[in-house]
Each structure stands twice: as C-alpha cells, then as structure tokens.
C-alpha cells in the first residue's frame, strides 16, 4: 500500500506544472469569479482522480477555503 506522503508527492509531481501555469496566468490578472471557477474545476478534477470518501471531501473543503482566501486577497490589492 502506498503511503499518503508518497501518493501526495506523486500527485504533486504529476500535476504541479499545470497548476503553476494556471497560477502564472492568474498572477497578473484579476481573480474574477469565472477564473476562480475554472481553476477550482481543474483542481477538483485532480482531487477526484486521486482521492475518495472523507479524504476527498476534506480536500474539497480546503480547496474552497483557499479559493475564497485568494479572492479576498485579490480584492485588497
């Protein structure tokens, strides 16, 4: 059985380049609701491919909180 740490590392190695491109695309733009939704959908697909059950729900909650924080931080600038 693969440990959670190894699985997380594998997921990051596989998906980090794509997520970094998304972040760079957002960096110089406003985080509009449409952009936030698109990024959330992509991240949710990655989570759903790699997690299930309670762990998936926990990760989705964390994703929602992170996106909310990003939007709040963007409005301040």
C-alpha atoms as a PDB file:
ATOM      1  CA  UNK A   1       0.000   0.000   0.000  1.00  0.00           C
ATOM      2  CA  UNK A   2       1.307   3.428  -0.943  1.00  0.00           C
ATOM      3  CA  UNK A   3       1.626   5.798   1.985  1.00  0.00           C
ATOM      4  CA  UNK A   4      -0.230   9.098   1.924  1.00  0.00           C
ATOM      5  CA  UNK A   5       3.052  11.034   1.736  1.00  0.00           C
ATOM      6  CA  UNK A   6       4.252   9.091  -1.328  1.00  0.00           C
ATOM      7  CA  UNK A   7       0.864   9.430  -3.003  1.00  0.00           C
ATOM      8  CA  UNK A   8       0.805  13.175  -2.331  1.00  0.00           C
ATOM      9  CA  UNK A   9       4.320  13.555  -3.724  1.00  0.00           C
ATOM     10  CA  UNK A  10       3.359  11.617  -6.866  1.00  0.00           C
ATOM     11  CA  UNK A  11       0.256  13.777  -7.370  1.00  0.00           C
ATOM     12  CA  UNK A  12       2.287  16.958  -6.973  1.00  0.00           C
ATOM     13  CA  UNK A  13       4.942  15.826  -9.426  1.00  0.00           C
ATOM     14  CA  UNK A  14       2.293  14.939 -11.969  1.00  0.00           C
ATOM     15  CA  UNK A  15       0.055  17.995 -11.667  1.00  0.00           C
ATOM     16  CA  UNK A  16       2.246  20.796 -10.293  1.00  0.00           C
ATOM     17  CA  UNK A  17       3.459  22.071 -13.701  1.00  0.00           C
ATOM     18  CA  UNK A  18      -0.131  22.517 -14.904  1.00  0.00           C
ATOM     19  CA  UNK A  19      -1.207  24.197 -11.679  1.00  0.00           C
ATOM     20  CA  UNK A  20       1.835  26.500 -11.770  1.00  0.00           C
ATOM     21  CA  UNK A  21       0.855  27.589 -15.288  1.00  0.00           C
ATOM     22  CA  UNK A  22      -2.641  28.394 -14.028  1.00  0.00           C
ATOM     23  CA  UNK A  23      -1.212  30.422 -11.154  1.00  0.00           C
ATOM     24  CA  UNK A  24       1.064  32.356 -13.526  1.00  0.00           C
ATOM     25  CA  UNK A  25      -1.942  33.052 -15.732  1.00  0.00           C
ATOM     26  CA  UNK A  26      -3.839  34.450 -12.756  1.00  0.00           C
ATOM     27  CA  UNK A  27      -0.906  36.307 -11.245  1.00  0.00           C
ATOM     28  CA  UNK A  28      -1.153  39.420 -13.410  1.00  0.00           C
ATOM     29  CA  UNK A  29      -4.930  39.348 -13.812  1.00  0.00           C
ATOM     30  CA  UNK A  30      -7.852  39.849 -11.520  1.00  0.00           C
ATOM     31  CA  UNK A  31      -9.180  36.680  -9.991  1.00  0.00           C
ATOM     32  CA  UNK A  32     -12.631  37.068 -11.466  1.00  0.00           C
ATOM     33  CA  UNK A  33     -15.373  34.667 -10.424  1.00  0.00           C
ATOM     34  CA  UNK A  34     -15.097  32.991 -13.846  1.00  0.00           C
ATOM     35  CA  UNK A  35     -11.347  32.453 -13.491  1.00  0.00           C
ATOM     36  CA  UNK A  36     -11.758  31.215  -9.917  1.00  0.00           C
ATOM     37  CA  UNK A  37     -14.433  28.771 -11.049  1.00  0.00           C
ATOM     38  CA  UNK A  38     -12.249  27.456 -13.878  1.00  0.00           C
ATOM     39  CA  UNK A  39      -9.270  26.938 -11.580  1.00  0.00           C
ATOM     40  CA  UNK A  40     -11.481  25.315  -8.941  1.00  0.00           C
ATOM     41  CA  UNK A  41     -12.926  22.915 -11.520  1.00  0.00           C
ATOM     42  CA  UNK A  42      -9.454  21.869 -12.686  1.00  0.00           C
ATOM     43  CA  UNK A  43      -8.252  21.362  -9.119  1.00  0.00           C
ATOM     44  CA  UNK A  44     -11.414  19.451  -8.205  1.00  0.00           C
ATOM     45  CA  UNK A  45     -10.901  17.066 -11.129  1.00  0.00           C
ATOM     46  CA  UNK A  46      -7.365  16.373  -9.910  1.00  0.00           C
ATOM     47  CA  UNK A  47      -8.640  15.737  -6.384  1.00  0.00           C
ATOM     48  CA  UNK A  48     -11.422  13.437  -7.607  1.00  0.00           C
ATOM     49  CA  UNK A  49      -8.935  11.390  -9.645  1.00  0.00           C
ATOM     50  CA  UNK A  50      -6.704  10.832  -6.655  1.00  0.00           C
ATOM     51  CA  UNK A  51      -8.873  10.753  -3.542  1.00  0.00           C
ATOM     52  CA  UNK A  52     -12.228   9.402  -2.440  1.00  0.00           C
ATOM     53  CA  UNK A  53     -14.565   9.375   0.525  1.00  0.00           C
ATOM     54  CA  UNK A  54     -13.877  11.527   3.549  1.00  0.00           C
ATOM     55  CA  UNK A  55     -10.415  12.473   2.329  1.00  0.00           C
ATOM     56  CA  UNK A  56     -11.880  13.855  -0.914  1.00  0.00           C
ATOM     57  CA  UNK A  57     -14.466  15.884   0.989  1.00  0.00           C
ATOM     58  CA  UNK A  58     -11.766  17.264   3.289  1.00  0.00           C
ATOM     59  CA  UNK A  59      -9.590  18.217   0.307  1.00  0.00           C
ATOM     60  CA  UNK A  60     -12.555  19.878  -1.449  1.00  0.00           C
ATOM     61  CA  UNK A  61     -13.319  21.914   1.671  1.00  0.00           C
ATOM     62  CA  UNK A  62      -9.697  23.033   1.818  1.00  0.00           C
ATOM     63  CA  UNK A  63      -9.797  23.950  -1.879  1.00  0.00           C
ATOM     64  CA  UNK A  64     -12.932  26.053  -1.345  1.00  0.00           C
ATOM     65  CA  UNK A  65     -11.315  27.846   1.595  1.00  0.00           C
ATOM     66  CA  UNK A  66      -8.143  28.506  -0.392  1.00  0.00           C
ATOM     67  CA  UNK A  67     -10.072  29.918  -3.352  1.00  0.00           C
ATOM     68  CA  UNK A  68     -12.113  32.145  -1.037  1.00  0.00           C
ATOM     69  CA  UNK A  69      -8.906  33.438   0.584  1.00  0.00           C
ATOM     70  CA  UNK A  70      -7.346  34.099  -2.832  1.00  0.00           C
ATOM     71  CA  UNK A  71     -10.367  36.097  -3.940  1.00  0.00           C
ATOM     72  CA  UNK A  72     -10.370  38.085  -0.705  1.00  0.00           C
ATOM     73  CA  UNK A  73      -6.641  38.846  -1.060  1.00  0.00           C
ATOM     74  CA  UNK A  74      -7.092  39.955  -4.681  1.00  0.00           C
ATOM     75  CA  UNK A  75      -9.764  42.473  -3.714  1.00  0.00           C
ATOM     76  CA  UNK A  76      -7.459  44.135  -1.187  1.00  0.00           C
ATOM     77  CA  UNK A  77      -4.752  44.936  -3.726  1.00  0.00           C
END
